[in-house]
Protein backbone atom coordinates (compact mmCIF):
# COMPACT_ATOMS: atom_id res chain seq x y z
CA MET A 1 7.89 -0.49 -44.22
CA VAL A 2 10.06 2.63 -44.25
CA VAL A 3 11.60 4.10 -41.12
CA ARG A 4 12.80 7.66 -41.36
CA ALA A 5 14.31 9.89 -38.66
CA VAL A 6 13.30 13.55 -38.89
CA ARG A 7 14.93 16.36 -36.86
CA SER A 8 12.99 19.58 -36.31
CA ARG A 9 13.41 22.60 -34.05
CA THR A 10 10.59 24.24 -32.12
CA LEU A 11 11.13 27.28 -29.84
CA GLY A 12 14.85 26.66 -29.83
CA SER A 13 14.51 23.08 -28.47
CA SER A 14 15.67 20.02 -30.34
CA ILE A 15 12.98 17.36 -30.61
CA ARG A 16 13.67 13.91 -32.04
CA VAL A 17 10.72 12.40 -33.85
CA VAL A 18 10.52 8.92 -35.23
CA ALA A 19 8.03 8.63 -38.02
CA LEU A 20 6.74 5.26 -39.08
CA ALA A 21 4.86 4.85 -42.30
CA ALA A 22 3.05 1.63 -43.05
CA PHE A 23 0.17 1.26 -45.46
CA GLY A 24 -0.64 4.92 -45.09
CA ILE A 25 -1.41 4.66 -41.32
CA ALA A 26 0.69 6.55 -38.75
CA VAL A 27 1.26 4.57 -35.54
CA ALA A 28 2.88 5.81 -32.28
CA PHE A 29 4.61 3.04 -30.29
CA PRO A 30 5.25 3.17 -26.52
CA HIS A 31 8.76 2.87 -25.18
CA SER A 32 10.19 -0.60 -25.73
CA LEU A 33 10.58 -2.82 -22.68
CA ALA A 34 14.04 -3.98 -21.71
CA ALA A 35 14.64 -7.70 -22.00
CA GLN A 36 14.13 -9.43 -18.68
CA GLN A 37 16.26 -12.25 -17.40
CA PRO A 38 14.24 -15.33 -16.40
CA ALA A 39 13.81 -15.51 -12.63
CA SER A 40 15.55 -18.36 -10.86
CA PRO A 41 13.11 -21.06 -9.69
CA LEU A 42 11.94 -20.88 -6.07
CA PRO A 43 13.08 -23.59 -3.67
CA ALA A 44 10.44 -26.08 -2.62
CA SER A 45 10.81 -25.35 1.08
CA HIS A 46 12.37 -23.08 3.70
CA THR A 47 13.83 -24.18 7.04
CA VAL A 48 12.87 -21.67 9.73
CA LYS A 49 15.76 -19.92 11.48
CA ARG A 50 15.69 -17.88 14.68
CA GLY A 51 14.15 -14.47 13.98
CA ASP A 52 12.18 -15.56 10.87
CA THR A 53 8.57 -14.44 10.37
CA LEU A 54 6.05 -15.37 7.68
CA TRP A 55 6.13 -11.71 6.59
CA ASP A 56 9.92 -11.87 5.95
CA ILE A 57 9.74 -15.30 4.27
CA ALA A 58 7.03 -14.07 1.87
CA LYS A 59 9.07 -10.97 1.07
CA THR A 60 12.22 -13.02 0.42
CA TYR A 61 10.74 -15.74 -1.78
CA LEU A 62 7.57 -14.21 -3.24
CA GLY A 63 8.69 -10.60 -3.46
CA ASP A 64 5.65 -9.35 -1.52
CA PRO A 65 5.33 -9.63 2.29
CA PHE A 66 1.53 -9.37 2.00
CA LEU A 67 1.49 -12.85 0.44
CA TRP A 68 2.37 -14.47 3.81
CA PRO A 69 -1.20 -15.94 4.19
CA GLU A 70 -0.48 -18.18 1.18
CA ILE A 71 2.54 -19.71 2.96
CA TYR A 72 0.44 -20.14 6.11
CA ARG A 73 -2.38 -21.79 4.10
CA ILE A 74 -0.23 -24.53 2.58
CA ASN A 75 1.52 -25.18 5.92
CA ALA A 76 -1.54 -25.28 8.18
CA ASP A 77 -0.58 -28.81 9.24
CA ILE A 78 2.67 -27.44 10.72
CA ILE A 79 1.82 -23.87 11.79
CA GLU A 80 -0.69 -23.78 14.62
CA ASP A 81 -0.64 -19.99 14.92
CA PRO A 82 0.76 -17.73 12.13
CA HIS A 83 2.21 -15.42 14.77
CA TRP A 84 4.49 -18.25 15.96
CA ILE A 85 6.90 -20.26 13.82
CA TYR A 86 9.84 -22.06 15.35
CA PRO A 87 13.45 -22.81 14.35
CA GLY A 88 13.78 -26.14 12.57
CA GLU A 89 10.29 -26.18 11.03
CA ILE A 90 10.36 -26.94 7.29
CA LEU A 91 7.77 -24.83 5.47
CA LYS A 92 6.57 -25.57 1.94
CA LEU A 93 6.77 -22.65 -0.47
CA PRO A 94 4.18 -21.88 -3.16
CA GLY A 95 5.13 -21.46 -6.78
CA ALA A 96 6.38 -18.12 -8.00
CA PRO A 97 3.50 -15.65 -8.35
CA ALA A 98 2.69 -14.70 -11.90
CA LYS A 99 3.44 -11.10 -12.79
CA VAL A 100 1.17 -9.47 -15.38
CA ILE A 101 2.40 -6.37 -17.17
CA ALA A 102 -0.34 -4.29 -18.76
CA VAL A 103 0.71 -2.76 -22.09
CA ALA A 104 -1.47 -0.20 -23.78
CA PRO A 105 -2.36 -1.18 -27.37
CA PRO A 106 -0.94 1.10 -30.06
CA ALA A 107 -3.13 4.03 -30.90
CA SER A 108 -4.12 4.23 -34.55
CA VAL A 109 -5.59 6.99 -36.65
CA LEU A 110 -9.04 5.74 -37.67
CA PRO A 111 -11.98 7.55 -39.25
CA PRO A 112 -14.53 8.80 -36.72
CA ALA A 113 -17.13 6.25 -35.76
CA ALA A 114 -20.68 6.66 -36.91
CA PRO A 115 -23.07 7.99 -34.24
CA VAL A 116 -24.87 5.29 -32.30
CA ALA A 117 -28.58 5.53 -31.81
CA ALA A 118 -29.86 5.77 -28.22
CA PRO A 119 -31.04 2.41 -26.89
CA ALA A 120 -34.74 1.79 -26.56
CA PRO A 121 -36.14 2.08 -23.02
CA VAL A 122 -36.27 -1.18 -21.06
CA PRO A 123 -39.33 -1.87 -18.89
CA ALA A 124 -38.71 -2.18 -15.16
CA PRO A 125 -38.41 -5.79 -13.92
CA THR A 126 -41.29 -7.35 -12.07
CA PRO A 127 -40.58 -7.36 -8.28
CA LEU A 128 -39.66 -10.78 -6.93
CA ALA A 129 -41.42 -12.42 -4.00
CA PRO A 130 -39.50 -12.09 -0.73
CA ALA A 131 -37.12 -14.98 0.02
CA PRO A 132 -38.13 -17.37 2.80
CA ALA A 133 -36.51 -16.79 6.18
CA LEU A 134 -33.20 -18.62 6.66
CA VAL A 135 -33.31 -21.20 9.45
CA VAL A 136 -29.93 -21.60 11.15
CA ASP A 137 -29.02 -24.81 12.95
CA THR A 138 -27.23 -23.48 16.03
CA ASN A 139 -25.76 -26.91 16.73
CA SER A 140 -23.66 -26.66 13.57
CA ILE A 141 -22.07 -23.31 14.47
CA GLN A 142 -18.47 -23.65 15.59
CA ALA A 143 -17.43 -22.09 18.86
CA ALA A 144 -15.70 -18.73 18.65
CA PRO A 145 -11.89 -18.99 18.60
CA SER A 146 -10.00 -18.44 21.82
CA SER A 147 -8.88 -14.87 22.47
CA ILE A 148 -5.54 -16.31 23.63
CA ARG A 149 -3.13 -17.57 20.97
CA MET A 150 -2.39 -21.17 21.90
CA GLY A 151 1.17 -20.93 20.59
CA GLU A 152 1.86 -18.12 23.06
CA TYR A 153 0.13 -19.98 25.87
CA ALA A 154 2.22 -23.15 25.34
CA ALA A 155 5.52 -21.22 25.14
CA ALA A 156 4.80 -18.96 28.14
CA PRO A 157 6.91 -19.52 31.28
CA TRP A 158 5.23 -19.47 34.70
CA VAL A 159 6.03 -19.21 38.39
CA ASP A 160 5.66 -22.35 40.52
CA ASP A 161 6.68 -23.73 43.89
CA ARG A 162 10.36 -24.31 44.64
CA GLY A 163 11.69 -27.08 42.38
CA GLY A 164 8.84 -26.83 39.86
CA PRO A 165 6.01 -29.31 39.19
CA ARG A 166 5.89 -32.52 41.24
CA GLY A 167 5.79 -36.02 39.75
CA SER A 168 7.32 -34.96 36.43
CA GLY A 169 8.86 -37.37 33.92
CA PHE A 170 11.96 -36.73 31.85
CA ILE A 171 13.60 -37.16 28.45
CA MET A 172 15.93 -40.18 28.60
CA GLN A 173 17.78 -39.99 25.30
CA ALA A 174 17.38 -39.84 21.53
CA ALA A 175 15.71 -42.89 19.98
CA ASP A 176 17.18 -42.37 16.50
CA LEU A 177 20.41 -44.32 16.03
CA THR A 178 23.34 -42.62 14.37
CA GLY A 179 26.24 -44.11 12.45
CA ILE A 180 28.67 -41.51 13.79
CA ALA A 181 29.93 -42.39 17.25
CA SER A 182 30.92 -38.80 18.07
CA ALA A 183 27.54 -37.29 17.15
CA ASP A 184 25.93 -35.24 19.93
CA GLN A 185 22.51 -36.73 20.66
CA SER A 186 21.83 -34.74 23.81
CA ARG A 187 20.08 -31.98 21.84
CA MET A 188 16.80 -32.84 20.15
CA HIS A 189 15.53 -31.39 16.90
CA LEU A 190 12.06 -30.99 15.45
CA TYR A 191 10.43 -34.37 14.66
CA ASP A 192 13.24 -36.31 16.37
CA ASN A 193 12.22 -39.56 18.06
CA LEU A 194 13.21 -39.93 21.69
CA LEU A 195 12.86 -42.24 24.68
CA ILE A 196 10.93 -40.80 27.61
CA SER A 197 10.13 -41.74 31.17
CA PRO A 198 6.51 -40.54 31.51
CA PRO A 199 5.29 -38.50 34.50
CA ALA A 200 3.83 -40.34 37.46
CA GLY A 201 0.31 -41.63 36.95
CA PRO A 202 -1.55 -43.87 34.49
CA ILE A 203 0.27 -45.11 31.40
CA ALA A 204 -0.01 -42.40 28.76
CA PRO A 205 -1.87 -43.53 25.63
CA GLU A 206 -0.62 -43.01 22.10
CA ARG A 207 -0.80 -39.35 20.96
CA GLN A 208 -0.64 -38.07 24.55
CA LEU A 209 1.10 -34.67 24.64
CA TYR A 210 3.79 -33.70 27.14
CA LEU A 211 5.35 -30.29 27.73
CA SER A 212 9.13 -30.35 28.16
CA TYR A 213 10.61 -27.63 30.33
CA ARG A 214 13.67 -26.35 32.15
CA LEU A 215 13.92 -24.58 35.46
CA GLY A 216 14.66 -20.86 35.44
CA PRO A 217 15.75 -18.80 38.43
CA LEU A 218 14.40 -19.32 41.92
CA ILE A 219 13.24 -15.89 43.09
CA GLU A 220 13.24 -15.55 46.86
CA ASP A 221 9.87 -14.67 48.45
CA PHE A 222 8.22 -15.31 45.07
CA GLY A 223 8.76 -18.74 43.46
CA GLN A 224 10.44 -20.96 40.85
CA ILE A 225 10.38 -19.87 37.22
CA VAL A 226 9.51 -22.74 34.83
CA ILE A 227 10.37 -22.28 31.13
CA PRO A 228 8.77 -24.52 28.41
CA THR A 229 11.11 -25.85 25.72
CA GLY A 230 8.85 -27.98 23.51
CA ILE A 231 5.92 -30.35 23.05
CA ILE A 232 6.45 -34.12 22.85
CA GLN A 233 3.83 -36.54 21.51
CA VAL A 234 3.76 -40.20 22.53
CA THR A 235 4.09 -42.49 19.48
CA ARG A 236 4.41 -45.76 21.43
CA PRO A 237 3.19 -46.09 25.02
CA ALA A 238 5.31 -47.78 27.67
CA ARG A 239 4.81 -51.54 27.92
CA ASN A 240 6.58 -54.53 29.46
CA GLY A 241 8.67 -52.25 31.66
CA GLU A 242 10.08 -50.39 28.64
CA ALA A 243 10.41 -46.67 28.03
CA SER A 244 7.83 -44.79 25.98
CA ILE A 245 8.77 -43.44 22.57
CA GLY A 246 7.83 -39.92 21.63
CA ARG A 247 8.39 -37.34 18.90
CA VAL A 248 9.23 -33.65 19.13
CA LEU A 249 6.27 -31.70 17.70
CA LYS A 250 7.08 -28.12 18.77
CA ILE A 251 10.25 -26.39 19.87
CA TYR A 252 10.25 -23.20 21.98
CA GLY A 253 13.87 -23.42 23.11
CA GLU A 254 16.60 -26.05 23.39
CA VAL A 255 15.08 -29.52 23.97
CA LEU A 256 17.78 -31.45 25.82
CA GLN A 257 18.34 -34.85 27.34
CA ASN A 258 17.18 -35.07 31.00
CA GLN A 259 14.75 -32.17 30.66
CA ARG A 260 11.52 -32.73 32.57
CA LEU A 261 8.07 -33.55 31.24
CA ILE A 262 4.54 -32.83 32.44
CA PRO A 263 1.20 -33.49 30.69
CA TYR A 264 0.30 -30.65 28.33
CA ASP A 265 -3.14 -29.27 29.11
CA SER A 266 -4.29 -26.45 26.84
CA SER A 267 -7.78 -26.15 28.32
CA ALA A 268 -6.71 -23.47 30.81
CA GLY A 269 -5.69 -21.23 27.93
CA VAL A 270 -8.99 -21.40 26.04
CA VAL A 271 -10.83 -18.13 26.65
CA ARG A 272 -13.88 -17.37 24.51
CA ALA A 273 -14.72 -13.93 25.86
CA ARG A 274 -13.34 -10.41 25.82
CA PRO A 275 -12.25 -8.54 28.96
CA PHE A 276 -14.15 -5.49 30.18
CA ALA A 277 -12.52 -2.53 31.86
CA ILE A 278 -12.50 -2.33 35.65
CA ALA A 279 -11.43 0.29 38.16
CA ASN A 280 -9.07 -0.32 41.06
CA GLY A 281 -7.79 -3.67 39.73
CA ARG A 282 -5.22 -5.64 41.71
CA SER A 283 -1.75 -4.05 41.55
CA GLY A 284 1.68 -5.64 41.66
CA LYS A 285 5.02 -5.42 39.91
CA VAL A 286 7.15 -7.22 37.37
CA ARG A 287 9.27 -9.87 39.08
CA TRP A 288 10.93 -11.54 36.08
CA VAL A 289 11.60 -10.63 32.45
CA TYR A 290 12.18 -13.30 29.80
CA ASN A 291 15.44 -13.02 27.80
CA GLN A 292 17.12 -10.62 30.21
CA PRO A 293 19.09 -8.35 30.01
CA VAL A 294 17.49 -7.34 26.68
CA LEU A 295 14.64 -4.87 27.22
CA PRO A 296 11.33 -6.59 26.43
CA SER A 297 9.12 -5.61 23.54
CA ILE A 298 5.85 -6.72 21.94
CA GLN A 299 5.21 -10.50 22.26
CA ASP A 300 7.80 -10.87 25.05
CA PHE A 301 6.88 -12.56 28.33
CA LEU A 302 6.86 -11.07 31.83
CA VAL A 303 5.91 -12.58 35.19
CA VAL A 304 4.10 -10.31 37.66
CA ASP A 305 3.28 -10.97 41.31
CA ILE A 306 -0.51 -10.85 40.85
CA PRO A 307 -1.88 -14.32 41.79
CA ARG A 308 -4.57 -16.41 40.17
CA GLY A 309 -8.04 -15.09 40.90
CA ALA A 310 -6.91 -11.48 40.85
CA ALA A 311 -5.51 -12.16 37.37
CA ASN A 312 -6.78 -14.94 35.10
CA PRO A 313 -6.02 -15.97 31.48
CA GLY A 314 -7.40 -13.40 29.06
CA ASP A 315 -7.31 -10.49 31.52
CA GLN A 316 -5.57 -7.27 30.50
CA VAL A 317 -2.74 -5.78 32.54
CA GLU A 318 -1.40 -2.24 32.32
CA LEU A 319 2.28 -1.51 32.94
CA PHE A 320 2.93 2.02 34.18
CA GLN A 321 5.19 4.37 36.08
CA PRO A 322 3.39 5.61 39.21
CA ARG A 323 2.85 9.27 39.90
CA GLN A 324 5.84 10.94 41.58
CA GLY A 325 5.20 13.81 43.97
CA PRO A 326 7.23 17.03 44.30
CA THR A 327 10.70 16.74 45.77
CA ASP A 328 13.25 19.19 47.13
CA GLY A 329 14.58 19.93 43.67
CA ARG A 330 11.21 19.87 41.90
CA ASP A 331 8.07 21.85 42.69
CA LEU A 332 5.72 19.98 40.34
CA ALA A 333 4.67 16.35 40.53
CA ILE A 334 5.27 13.93 37.64
CA PRO A 335 1.98 12.36 36.53
CA GLU A 336 1.48 8.63 36.08
CA LEU A 337 2.95 7.45 32.77
CA HIS A 338 1.51 4.59 30.72
CA LEU A 339 4.15 2.13 29.46
CA ALA A 340 2.43 -0.85 27.85
CA TRP A 341 -0.53 -3.22 27.69
CA ALA A 342 -0.21 -6.95 28.28
CA GLN A 343 -2.47 -10.01 28.22
CA VAL A 344 -2.49 -12.68 30.93
CA LEU A 345 -1.61 -16.12 29.51
CA ARG A 346 -1.05 -18.22 32.63
CA ALA A 347 -1.94 -17.72 36.27
CA THR A 348 -0.81 -19.67 39.35
CA PRO A 349 -1.22 -19.09 43.09
CA TYR A 350 2.14 -17.32 42.97
CA GLY A 351 1.78 -14.94 40.03
CA ALA A 352 0.68 -14.38 36.45
CA THR A 353 2.51 -14.62 33.13
CA VAL A 354 1.69 -11.86 30.64
CA VAL A 355 2.66 -11.18 27.04
CA ILE A 356 3.16 -7.58 25.88
CA THR A 357 0.56 -6.65 23.25
CA ALA A 358 1.12 -2.89 22.85
CA GLN A 359 3.95 -0.67 24.02
CA GLU A 360 4.58 3.08 24.25
CA GLN A 361 7.70 3.27 26.44
CA PRO A 362 10.80 1.04 26.10
CA LYS A 363 11.88 0.81 29.72
CA ILE A 364 10.16 -2.21 31.24
CA VAL A 365 12.31 -3.86 33.91
CA GLU A 366 11.98 -5.88 37.08
CA GLY A 367 10.10 -3.72 39.55
CA THR A 368 7.91 -2.00 36.92
CA ALA A 369 4.42 -1.38 38.33
CA ALA A 370 1.51 -3.42 36.95
CA ARG A 371 -2.24 -3.56 37.57
CA VAL A 372 -5.23 -5.47 36.22
CA ALA A 373 -7.13 -3.05 33.95
CA ALA A 374 -9.71 -5.38 32.36
CA LYS A 375 -11.10 -8.79 33.35
CA ILE A 376 -12.83 -11.66 31.60
CA PRO A 377 -16.46 -11.83 32.81
């Protein structure tokens, strides 16, 4: 093989041509690819930190945020709802995705191909007999999924009577022994074992779920804000006058010693219908904003003073600025302004908890007007 560089000039421009002669055939090669360094191996897992999303984790480890469903698929035993992952959860990571680089084959100078004769006509196929009707066993069809995300429902605060729920139990202490005397065992972590004093009532069986919570502010003429912190599962029921043993399954905030416990009932959050628009729905206003003083955004919680019955789980609430009439310094009225849409997650006789689902204006504060715009039939 002989390689020869030839310099020629055309229209005053210098063009560099590389000619390659081999067995009388001229071949044009594409640009050579730069050598690539081998990618470092992916870790086997990722521990969720505050602010993480599956989208960001997929972008960081897999190089493509649209691959987040693969992380969700292999962690379905941990992630109940892909919209909600919690600090402390350890997520398995898939292997590095294979990258295929398409390279065009080298073009070669070949003699023209001989003409190909037209194919003979093919007779039309004989029509098939119609397929028998499909008989569907309606008993085997699964129920439609709830229109409320259960992760949001469990984490949603609510308004209750002064002092919160009655007959609650509490977290006694950590059940895992430590060899370091100075270790702080007042704060529980995901999958920690702990000793609990169950709520009043029958002895809770194994696998019973409890919701741990803390008390938020007491709002005069409204009620007590109750804020969930986690879900505890009983691993050994109480017996012989001993405490029950449980395990932390979900964390929504700090799970601390002496926090209270109530039975976790998810049935109130299961809604298998879609709301339909109504006119002149019940109006109220925002009485409490989660994570104040930060302005709320999509997926943040608000509590409005619209009681159960007027607002039920699954209903849609509109947040708005009411119309403002003319004033001394203004001749024209300001029309009503739409701020955001929200979905009702919890409802009590005192008020309703909503989660923001769509937002057009940033300023949502205590006192913002709200009204029920669509209701579950």
